[in-house]
Amino acid sequence: MDRNESQHKSRFEGVIFDLDGTLLNTIEDLADSVNAALVRADLPDRPLDYYYTAVGDGAETMVWRCLPEELRSEGLLARVHAYTREEYARRWNHKTKPYDGIPDMLDSLSKAGMRIAILSNKPHASTLKVVAEFLPHWDFAPVRGAREDVPIKPDPQAALDIADHCGIAPEKWIYVGDTDTDMQTARAARFFAVGVSWGFRSIEELREHGADMIADHPADISEMALNRNPREGAVSKVL
């Protein structure tokens, strides 16, 4: 199926993906990095489960949430954040991997001519490195991480910049993510918001923050995007 045929049958022309918790399971490398940084600063580390709610709003916010509440300060944040960058540079690819079904889903979208892009709150340089390592076979146009000159999600500017870069109107985009931040971003940008049930946050959180649909498997995203019939029981309609 060529791109024109795909666009004729589907109301959508592009899909923007969050990265951590959506395309890639990065939680253990992130947790190991922050815990190593906390230990370097003579602070207690956090259990893995804690990181599922700590991530999603940028690296500094993740580190801030992991500091002991009674010790939180801008100075301590700067020190532990710097340690975290160093530790993540050592172990960013130790345990990270795509979720099951992600490669097949990306293949399906790409073969149908759907534009695909990535927007993450992970620092931009790290985002590019991780995508190049774990998702090298797909043409994401473009890949964007957190940059100093652009507000991070849930501000919609970066998402709308991607839409403008691709020349596709907001209503023609699907935004796929796993956190409240992602759903807020999609709603603010006027994209169709898809929450994924396999990510770092709960289905209830995704629904509360505006998910138009919950996908239970990566195949559900490509089937919906390409106007095919999803597997029975695999997709939870919210609106």
Foldseek 3Di string as FASTA:
>chain_A
DEQVVLVVQFLAQAEEEEPDFFFKPQQVLLQVLLCVLCVVVVHHGDDSLVQLVLDDQALLSSSQVGGDPVPDDPVVSVSSSVSSVVSSVVCRPPPMATDPQNVVLQVLCVVNNGAYAYEYQYQFVVQVVVCCVHVVPHDHQYYGYDDPVDHHFPPQPVVVVSCVSVVHQQANYEYEEAALRSQSNNVVSVHQYEHECRGSDHPVRSLVNHHQKYADHSNQVSCNRSVHDDDPPGIDGRD
